[in-house]
Amino acid sequence: MRLPLIKHTVEFIQTHDEDWVNETIELLEHISEAKGIKDEELEVIGELISNMFGAIEVNKDIKAGKPQKEALNDFMKRVVGTIS
């Protein structure tokens, strides 16, 4: 997960709409099922999808009243906590 990418995607959600990101996730999932796709390409697609889901989670916290910086930091703490 890349915090700058998540932050940038959160800004996109706030400017546009979360549905755009959800539809992009669906498209990337569909592309990942294409014949002949390489492992490296799947890794990139998976990373993008993970960051987009992270941005959606952060945006939910922001909508609930958390400041953006705190929402981002809390999300990253949860991610690091699940990896450890």
PDB file of N, CA and C in Angstrom:
ATOM      1  N   MET A   1       0.841  -1.172   0.000  1.00  0.00           N
ATOM      2  CA  MET A   1       0.000   0.000   0.000  1.00  0.00           C
ATOM      3  C   MET A   1       0.892   1.243   0.000  1.00  0.00           C
ATOM      4  N   ARG A   2       0.465   2.182  -0.787  1.00  0.00           N
ATOM      5  CA  ARG A   2       1.223   3.428  -0.902  1.00  0.00           C
ATOM      6  C   ARG A   2       0.352   4.587  -0.469  1.00  0.00           C
ATOM      7  N   LEU A   3       0.742   5.209   0.625  1.00  0.00           N
ATOM      8  CA  LEU A   3      -0.029   6.306   1.201  1.00  0.00           C
ATOM      9  C   LEU A   3      -0.253   7.464   0.217  1.00  0.00           C
ATOM     10  N   PRO A   4       0.756   7.881  -0.557  1.00  0.00           N
ATOM     11  CA  PRO A   4       0.508   8.972  -1.503  1.00  0.00           C
ATOM     12  C   PRO A   4      -0.566   8.621  -2.545  1.00  0.00           C
ATOM     13  N   LEU A   5      -0.567   7.374  -2.983  1.00  0.00           N
ATOM     14  CA  LEU A   5      -1.570   6.930  -3.952  1.00  0.00           C
ATOM     15  C   LEU A   5      -2.960   6.900  -3.328  1.00  0.00           C
ATOM     16  N   ILE A   6      -3.040   6.436  -2.099  1.00  0.00           N
ATOM     17  CA  ILE A   6      -4.322   6.406  -1.388  1.00  0.00           C
ATOM     18  C   ILE A   6      -4.834   7.827  -1.189  1.00  0.00           C
ATOM     19  N   LYS A   7      -3.957   8.713  -0.759  1.00  0.00           N
ATOM     20  CA  LYS A   7      -4.345  10.117  -0.535  1.00  0.00           C
ATOM     21  C   LYS A   7      -4.841  10.747  -1.835  1.00  0.00           C
ATOM     22  N   HIS A   8      -4.150  10.497  -2.910  1.00  0.00           N
ATOM     23  CA  HIS A   8      -4.529  11.058  -4.209  1.00  0.00           C
ATOM     24  C   HIS A   8      -5.890  10.508  -4.657  1.00  0.00           C
ATOM     25  N   THR A   9      -6.119   9.239  -4.418  1.00  0.00           N
ATOM     26  CA  THR A   9      -7.395   8.628  -4.783  1.00  0.00           C
ATOM     27  C   THR A   9      -8.524   9.156  -3.906  1.00  0.00           C
ATOM     28  N   VAL A  10      -8.254   9.398  -2.636  1.00  0.00           N
ATOM     29  CA  VAL A  10      -9.260   9.998  -1.748  1.00  0.00           C
ATOM     30  C   VAL A  10      -9.656  11.369  -2.293  1.00  0.00           C
ATOM     31  N   GLU A  11      -8.688  12.139  -2.737  1.00  0.00           N
ATOM     32  CA  GLU A  11      -8.979  13.451  -3.319  1.00  0.00           C
ATOM     33  C   GLU A  11      -9.859  13.309  -4.558  1.00  0.00           C
ATOM     34  N   PHE A  12      -9.592  12.291  -5.359  1.00  0.00           N
ATOM     35  CA  PHE A  12     -10.417  12.038  -6.542  1.00  0.00           C
ATOM     36  C   PHE A  12     -11.850  11.710  -6.133  1.00  0.00           C
ATOM     37  N   ILE A  13     -11.996  10.853  -5.123  1.00  0.00           N
ATOM     38  CA  ILE A  13     -13.330  10.476  -4.635  1.00  0.00           C
ATOM     39  C   ILE A  13     -14.085  11.711  -4.158  1.00  0.00           C
ATOM     40  N   GLN A  14     -13.407  12.571  -3.441  1.00  0.00           N
ATOM     41  CA  GLN A  14     -14.061  13.761  -2.906  1.00  0.00           C
ATOM     42  C   GLN A  14     -14.436  14.747  -4.005  1.00  0.00           C
ATOM     43  N   THR A  15     -13.657  14.799  -5.061  1.00  0.00           N
ATOM     44  CA  THR A  15     -13.936  15.702  -6.174  1.00  0.00           C
ATOM     45  C   THR A  15     -15.003  15.126  -7.110  1.00  0.00           C
ATOM     46  N   HIS A  16     -14.955  13.842  -7.314  1.00  0.00           N
ATOM     47  CA  HIS A  16     -15.857  13.198  -8.264  1.00  0.00           C
ATOM     48  C   HIS A  16     -16.894  12.374  -7.506  1.00  0.00           C
ATOM     49  N   ASP A  17     -16.633  11.083  -7.411  1.00  0.00           N
ATOM     50  CA  ASP A  17     -17.593  10.205  -6.762  1.00  0.00           C
ATOM     51  C   ASP A  17     -16.943   8.853  -6.500  1.00  0.00           C
ATOM     52  N   GLU A  18     -17.324   8.221  -5.425  1.00  0.00           N
ATOM     53  CA  GLU A  18     -16.771   6.909  -5.079  1.00  0.00           C
ATOM     54  C   GLU A  18     -17.129   5.853  -6.128  1.00  0.00           C
ATOM     55  N   ASP A  19     -18.257   6.027  -6.801  1.00  0.00           N
ATOM     56  CA  ASP A  19     -18.672   5.053  -7.813  1.00  0.00           C
ATOM     57  C   ASP A  19     -17.639   4.892  -8.921  1.00  0.00           C
ATOM     58  N   TRP A  20     -16.951   5.978  -9.272  1.00  0.00           N
ATOM     59  CA  TRP A  20     -15.918   5.900 -10.302  1.00  0.00           C
ATOM     60  C   TRP A  20     -14.824   4.920  -9.882  1.00  0.00           C
ATOM     61  N   VAL A  21     -14.437   4.989  -8.632  1.00  0.00           N
ATOM     62  CA  VAL A  21     -13.376   4.115  -8.124  1.00  0.00           C
ATOM     63  C   VAL A  21     -13.868   2.671  -8.062  1.00  0.00           C
ATOM     64  N   ASN A  22     -15.099   2.473  -7.610  1.00  0.00           N
ATOM     65  CA  ASN A  22     -15.656   1.120  -7.575  1.00  0.00           C
ATOM     66  C   ASN A  22     -15.728   0.506  -8.976  1.00  0.00           C
ATOM     67  N   GLU A  23     -16.117   1.298  -9.954  1.00  0.00           N
ATOM     68  CA  GLU A  23     -16.179   0.805 -11.330  1.00  0.00           C
ATOM     69  C   GLU A  23     -14.787   0.518 -11.879  1.00  0.00           C
ATOM     70  N   THR A  24     -13.821   1.326 -11.494  1.00  0.00           N
ATOM     71  CA  THR A  24     -12.439   1.083 -11.913  1.00  0.00           C
ATOM     72  C   THR A  24     -11.920  -0.215 -11.319  1.00  0.00           C
ATOM     73  N   ILE A  25     -12.260  -0.468 -10.062  1.00  0.00           N
ATOM     74  CA  ILE A  25     -11.866  -1.730  -9.423  1.00  0.00           C
ATOM     75  C   ILE A  25     -12.464  -2.908 -10.188  1.00  0.00           C
ATOM     76  N   GLU A  26     -13.739  -2.793 -10.543  1.00  0.00           N
ATOM     77  CA  GLU A  26     -14.391  -3.864 -11.303  1.00  0.00           C
ATOM     78  C   GLU A  26     -13.683  -4.096 -12.635  1.00  0.00           C
ATOM     79  N   LEU A  27     -13.314  -3.020 -13.318  1.00  0.00           N
ATOM     80  CA  LEU A  27     -12.613  -3.140 -14.593  1.00  0.00           C
ATOM     81  C   LEU A  27     -11.258  -3.808 -14.404  1.00  0.00           C
ATOM     82  N   LEU A  28     -10.509  -3.385 -13.409  1.00  0.00           N
ATOM     83  CA  LEU A  28      -9.197  -3.988 -13.166  1.00  0.00           C
ATOM     84  C   LEU A  28      -9.321  -5.474 -12.809  1.00  0.00           C
ATOM     85  N   GLU A  29     -10.341  -5.821 -12.031  1.00  0.00           N
ATOM     86  CA  GLU A  29     -10.568  -7.234 -11.717  1.00  0.00           C
ATOM     87  C   GLU A  29     -10.863  -8.017 -12.990  1.00  0.00           C
ATOM     88  N   HIS A  30     -11.650  -7.431 -13.876  1.00  0.00           N
ATOM     89  CA  HIS A  30     -11.977  -8.094 -15.142  1.00  0.00           C
ATOM     90  C   HIS A  30     -10.719  -8.261 -16.001  1.00  0.00           C
ATOM     91  N   ILE A  31      -9.911  -7.217 -16.073  1.00  0.00           N
ATOM     92  CA  ILE A  31      -8.672  -7.282 -16.855  1.00  0.00           C
ATOM     93  C   ILE A  31      -7.745  -8.362 -16.305  1.00  0.00           C
ATOM     94  N   SER A  32      -7.729  -8.513 -14.985  1.00  0.00           N
ATOM     95  CA  SER A  32      -6.828  -9.500 -14.371  1.00  0.00           C
ATOM     96  C   SER A  32      -7.172 -10.934 -14.766  1.00  0.00           C
ATOM     97  N   GLU A  33      -8.353 -11.137 -15.292  1.00  0.00           N
ATOM     98  CA  GLU A  33      -8.780 -12.474 -15.714  1.00  0.00           C
ATOM     99  C   GLU A  33      -8.484 -12.749 -17.183  1.00  0.00           C
ATOM    100  N   ALA A  34      -7.877 -11.796 -17.880  1.00  0.00           N
ATOM    101  CA  ALA A  34      -7.586 -11.945 -19.307  1.00  0.00           C
ATOM    102  C   ALA A  34      -6.543 -13.032 -19.531  1.00  0.00           C
ATOM    103  N   LYS A  35      -6.703 -13.737 -20.638  1.00  0.00           N
ATOM    104  CA  LYS A  35      -5.717 -14.763 -21.005  1.00  0.00           C
ATOM    105  C   LYS A  35      -4.400 -14.086 -21.341  1.00  0.00           C
ATOM    106  N   GLY A  36      -3.324 -14.722 -20.951  1.00  0.00           N
ATOM    107  CA  GLY A  36      -1.998 -14.248 -21.316  1.00  0.00           C
ATOM    108  C   GLY A  36      -1.447 -13.129 -20.452  1.00  0.00           C
ATOM    109  N   ILE A  37      -2.166 -12.760 -19.408  1.00  0.00           N
ATOM    110  CA  ILE A  37      -1.656 -11.692 -18.550  1.00  0.00           C
ATOM    111  C   ILE A  37      -0.488 -12.239 -17.724  1.00  0.00           C
ATOM    112  N   LYS A  38       0.537 -11.444 -17.597  1.00  0.00           N
ATOM    113  CA  LYS A  38       1.755 -11.875 -16.914  1.00  0.00           C
ATOM    114  C   LYS A  38       1.642 -11.661 -15.407  1.00  0.00           C
ATOM    115  N   ASP A  39       2.450 -12.410 -14.654  1.00  0.00           N
ATOM    116  CA  ASP A  39       2.456 -12.293 -13.197  1.00  0.00           C
ATOM    117  C   ASP A  39       2.789 -10.876 -12.743  1.00  0.00           C
ATOM    118  N   GLU A  40       3.745 -10.244 -13.414  1.00  0.00           N
ATOM    119  CA  GLU A  40       4.127  -8.874 -13.049  1.00  0.00           C
ATOM    120  C   GLU A  40       2.945  -7.922 -13.228  1.00  0.00           C
ATOM    121  N   GLU A  41       2.183  -8.136 -14.297  1.00  0.00           N
ATOM    122  CA  GLU A  41       1.017  -7.293 -14.560  1.00  0.00           C
ATOM    123  C   GLU A  41      -0.056  -7.517 -13.500  1.00  0.00           C
ATOM    124  N   LEU A  42      -0.234  -8.771 -13.102  1.00  0.00           N
ATOM    125  CA  LEU A  42      -1.199  -9.081 -12.045  1.00  0.00           C
ATOM    126  C   LEU A  42      -0.814  -8.414 -10.728  1.00  0.00           C
ATOM    127  N   GLU A  43       0.478  -8.387 -10.437  1.00  0.00           N
ATOM    128  CA  GLU A  43       0.948  -7.736  -9.212  1.00  0.00           C
ATOM    129  C   GLU A  43       0.625  -6.248  -9.224  1.00  0.00           C
ATOM    130  N   VAL A  44       0.834  -5.599 -10.357  1.00  0.00           N
ATOM    131  CA  VAL A  44       0.552  -4.166 -10.467  1.00  0.00           C
ATOM    132  C   VAL A  44      -0.952  -3.920 -10.319  1.00  0.00           C
ATOM    133  N   ILE A  45      -1.749  -4.728 -10.995  1.00  0.00           N
ATOM    134  CA  ILE A  45      -3.204  -4.588 -10.903  1.00  0.00           C
ATOM    135  C   ILE A  45      -3.658  -4.801  -9.459  1.00  0.00           C
ATOM    136  N   GLY A  46      -3.123  -5.814  -8.808  1.00  0.00           N
ATOM    137  CA  GLY A  46      -3.475  -6.094  -7.413  1.00  0.00           C
ATOM    138  C   GLY A  46      -3.111  -4.944  -6.491  1.00  0.00           C
ATOM    139  N   GLU A  47      -1.959  -4.353  -6.715  1.00  0.00           N
ATOM    140  CA  GLU A  47      -1.524  -3.208  -5.904  1.00  0.00           C
ATOM    141  C   GLU A  47      -2.449  -2.013  -6.110  1.00  0.00           C
ATOM    142  N   LEU A  48      -2.822  -1.765  -7.357  1.00  0.00           N
ATOM    143  CA  LEU A  48      -3.749  -0.658  -7.647  1.00  0.00           C
ATOM    144  C   LEU A  48      -5.100  -0.887  -6.968  1.00  0.00           C
ATOM    145  N   ILE A  49      -5.600  -2.109  -7.069  1.00  0.00           N
ATOM    146  CA  ILE A  49      -6.888  -2.433  -6.449  1.00  0.00           C
ATOM    147  C   ILE A  49      -6.804  -2.249  -4.932  1.00  0.00           C
ATOM    148  N   SER A  50      -5.734  -2.718  -4.321  1.00  0.00           N
ATOM    149  CA  SER A  50      -5.560  -2.576  -2.870  1.00  0.00           C
ATOM    150  C   SER A  50      -5.565  -1.111  -2.452  1.00  0.00           C
ATOM    151  N   ASN A  51      -4.857  -0.281  -3.206  1.00  0.00           N
ATOM    152  CA  ASN A  51      -4.809   1.142  -2.892  1.00  0.00           C
ATOM    153  C   ASN A  51      -6.177   1.798  -3.059  1.00  0.00           C
ATOM    154  N   MET A  52      -6.918   1.373  -4.051  1.00  0.00           N
ATOM    155  CA  MET A  52      -8.258   1.938  -4.262  1.00  0.00           C
ATOM    156  C   MET A  52      -9.207   1.541  -3.136  1.00  0.00           C
ATOM    157  N   PHE A  53      -9.151   0.278  -2.722  1.00  0.00           N
ATOM    158  CA  PHE A  53      -9.971  -0.143  -1.576  1.00  0.00           C
ATOM    159  C   PHE A  53      -9.557   0.623  -0.318  1.00  0.00           C
ATOM    160  N   GLY A  54      -8.252   0.852  -0.153  1.00  0.00           N
ATOM    161  CA  GLY A  54      -7.768   1.633   0.981  1.00  0.00           C
ATOM    162  C   GLY A  54      -8.324   3.046   0.959  1.00  0.00           C
ATOM    163  N   ALA A  55      -8.352   3.655  -0.220  1.00  0.00           N
ATOM    164  CA  ALA A  55      -8.880   5.010  -0.353  1.00  0.00           C
ATOM    165  C   ALA A  55     -10.364   5.060  -0.001  1.00  0.00           C
ATOM    166  N   ILE A  56     -11.095   4.043  -0.388  1.00  0.00           N
ATOM    167  CA  ILE A  56     -12.522   3.981  -0.049  1.00  0.00           C
ATOM    168  C   ILE A  56     -12.699   3.907   1.464  1.00  0.00           C
ATOM    169  N   GLU A  57     -11.878   3.110   2.125  1.00  0.00           N
ATOM    170  CA  GLU A  57     -11.953   2.996   3.589  1.00  0.00           C
ATOM    171  C   GLU A  57     -11.600   4.323   4.264  1.00  0.00           C
ATOM    172  N   VAL A  58     -10.547   4.963   3.788  1.00  0.00           N
ATOM    173  CA  VAL A  58     -10.142   6.251   4.355  1.00  0.00           C
ATOM    174  C   VAL A  58     -11.250   7.278   4.150  1.00  0.00           C
ATOM    175  N   ASN A  59     -11.842   7.279   2.975  1.00  0.00           N
ATOM    176  CA  ASN A  59     -12.919   8.224   2.685  1.00  0.00           C
ATOM    177  C   ASN A  59     -14.115   8.014   3.616  1.00  0.00           C
ATOM    178  N   LYS A  60     -14.404   6.763   3.955  1.00  0.00           N
ATOM    179  CA  LYS A  60     -15.502   6.478   4.898  1.00  0.00           C
ATOM    180  C   LYS A  60     -15.210   7.110   6.253  1.00  0.00           C
ATOM    181  N   ASP A  61     -13.959   7.007   6.698  1.00  0.00           N
ATOM    182  CA  ASP A  61     -13.579   7.615   7.974  1.00  0.00           C
ATOM    183  C   ASP A  61     -13.700   9.137   7.917  1.00  0.00           C
ATOM    184  N   ILE A  62     -13.316   9.708   6.792  1.00  0.00           N
ATOM    185  CA  ILE A  62     -13.413  11.161   6.629  1.00  0.00           C
ATOM    186  C   ILE A  62     -14.884  11.592   6.648  1.00  0.00           C
ATOM    187  N   LYS A  63     -15.728  10.836   5.966  1.00  0.00           N
ATOM    188  CA  LYS A  63     -17.162  11.135   5.966  1.00  0.00           C
ATOM    189  C   LYS A  63     -17.743  11.056   7.375  1.00  0.00           C
ATOM    190  N   ALA A  64     -17.168  10.169   8.192  1.00  0.00           N
ATOM    191  CA  ALA A  64     -17.638   9.994   9.569  1.00  0.00           C
ATOM    192  C   ALA A  64     -17.124  11.101  10.488  1.00  0.00           C
ATOM    193  N   GLY A  65     -16.305  12.017   9.941  1.00  0.00           N
ATOM    194  CA  GLY A  65     -15.869  13.157  10.731  1.00  0.00           C
ATOM    195  C   GLY A  65     -14.409  13.189  11.112  1.00  0.00           C
ATOM    196  N   LYS A  66     -13.650  12.185  10.714  1.00  0.00           N
ATOM    197  CA  LYS A  66     -12.229  12.163  11.043  1.00  0.00           C
ATOM    198  C   LYS A  66     -11.468  13.085  10.092  1.00  0.00           C
ATOM    199  N   PRO A  67     -10.504  13.840  10.600  1.00  0.00           N
ATOM    200  CA  PRO A  67      -9.660  14.634   9.702  1.00  0.00           C
ATOM    201  C   PRO A  67      -8.893  13.717   8.743  1.00  0.00           C
ATOM    202  N   GLN A  68      -8.618  14.202   7.547  1.00  0.00           N
ATOM    203  CA  GLN A  68      -7.982  13.371   6.528  1.00  0.00           C
ATOM    204  C   GLN A  68      -6.665  12.776   7.003  1.00  0.00           C
ATOM    205  N   LYS A  69      -5.817  13.594   7.594  1.00  0.00           N
ATOM    206  CA  LYS A  69      -4.507  13.106   8.034  1.00  0.00           C
ATOM    207  C   LYS A  69      -4.663  11.979   9.055  1.00  0.00           C
ATOM    208  N   GLU A  70      -5.574  12.156   9.996  1.00  0.00           N
ATOM    209  CA  GLU A  70      -5.810  11.126  11.012  1.00  0.00           C
ATOM    210  C   GLU A  70      -6.388   9.859  10.378  1.00  0.00           C
ATOM    211  N   ALA A  71      -7.310  10.022   9.442  1.00  0.00           N
ATOM    212  CA  ALA A  71      -7.905   8.866   8.766  1.00  0.00           C
ATOM    213  C   ALA A  71      -6.841   8.081   8.001  1.00  0.00           C
ATOM    214  N   LEU A  72      -5.954   8.794   7.313  1.00  0.00           N
ATOM    215  CA  LEU A  72      -4.874   8.134   6.572  1.00  0.00           C
ATOM    216  C   LEU A  72      -3.921   7.402   7.523  1.00  0.00           C
ATOM    217  N   ASN A  73      -3.522   8.071   8.595  1.00  0.00           N
ATOM    218  CA  ASN A  73      -2.599   7.451   9.560  1.00  0.00           C
ATOM    219  C   ASN A  73      -3.226   6.241  10.241  1.00  0.00           C
ATOM    220  N   ASP A  74      -4.487   6.362  10.631  1.00  0.00           N
ATOM    221  CA  ASP A  74      -5.172   5.231  11.267  1.00  0.00           C
ATOM    222  C   ASP A  74      -5.274   4.040  10.323  1.00  0.00           C
ATOM    223  N   PHE A  75      -5.568   4.316   9.064  1.00  0.00           N
ATOM    224  CA  PHE A  75      -5.658   3.236   8.084  1.00  0.00           C
ATOM    225  C   PHE A  75      -4.318   2.529   7.930  1.00  0.00           C
ATOM    226  N   MET A  76      -3.247   3.298   7.805  1.00  0.00           N
ATOM    227  CA  MET A  76      -1.928   2.686   7.641  1.00  0.00           C
ATOM    228  C   MET A  76      -1.521   1.889   8.881  1.00  0.00           C
ATOM    229  N   LYS A  77      -1.909   2.360  10.067  1.00  0.00           N
ATOM    230  CA  LYS A  77      -1.631   1.601  11.294  1.00  0.00           C
ATOM    231  C   LYS A  77      -2.358   0.258  11.263  1.00  0.00           C
ATOM    232  N   ARG A  78      -3.607   0.260  10.785  1.00  0.00           N
ATOM    233  CA  ARG A  78      -4.363  -0.995  10.687  1.00  0.00           C
ATOM    234  C   ARG A  78      -3.691  -1.945   9.694  1.00  0.00           C
ATOM    235  N   VAL A  79      -3.236  -1.400   8.568  1.00  0.00           N
ATOM    236  CA  VAL A  79      -2.584  -2.228   7.556  1.00  0.00           C
ATOM    237  C   VAL A  79      -1.306  -2.833   8.105  1.00  0.00           C
ATOM    238  N   VAL A  80      -0.482  -2.004   8.720  1.00  0.00           N
ATOM    239  CA  VAL A  80       0.779  -2.488   9.281  1.00  0.00           C
ATOM    240  C   VAL A  80       0.506  -3.514  10.386  1.00  0.00           C
ATOM    241  N   GLY A  81      -0.532  -3.281  11.181  1.00  0.00           N
ATOM    242  CA  GLY A  81      -0.895  -4.210  12.243  1.00  0.00           C
ATOM    243  C   GLY A  81      -1.315  -5.577  11.731  1.00  0.00           C
ATOM    244  N   THR A  82      -1.931  -5.618  10.558  1.00  0.00           N
ATOM    245  CA  THR A  82      -2.349  -6.916  10.004  1.00  0.00           C
ATOM    246  C   THR A  82      -1.205  -7.642   9.329  1.00  0.00           C
ATOM    247  N   ILE A  83      -0.196  -6.894   8.911  1.00  0.00           N
ATOM    248  CA  ILE A  83       0.965  -7.504   8.250  1.00  0.00           C
ATOM    249  C   ILE A  83       1.913  -8.098   9.278  1.00  0.00           C
ATOM    250  N   SER A  84       2.070  -7.425  10.422  1.00  0.00           N
ATOM    251  CA  SER A  84       3.024  -7.862  11.451  1.00  0.00           C
ATOM    252  C   SER A  84       2.673  -9.196  12.031  1.00  0.00           C
TER     253      SER A  84
END
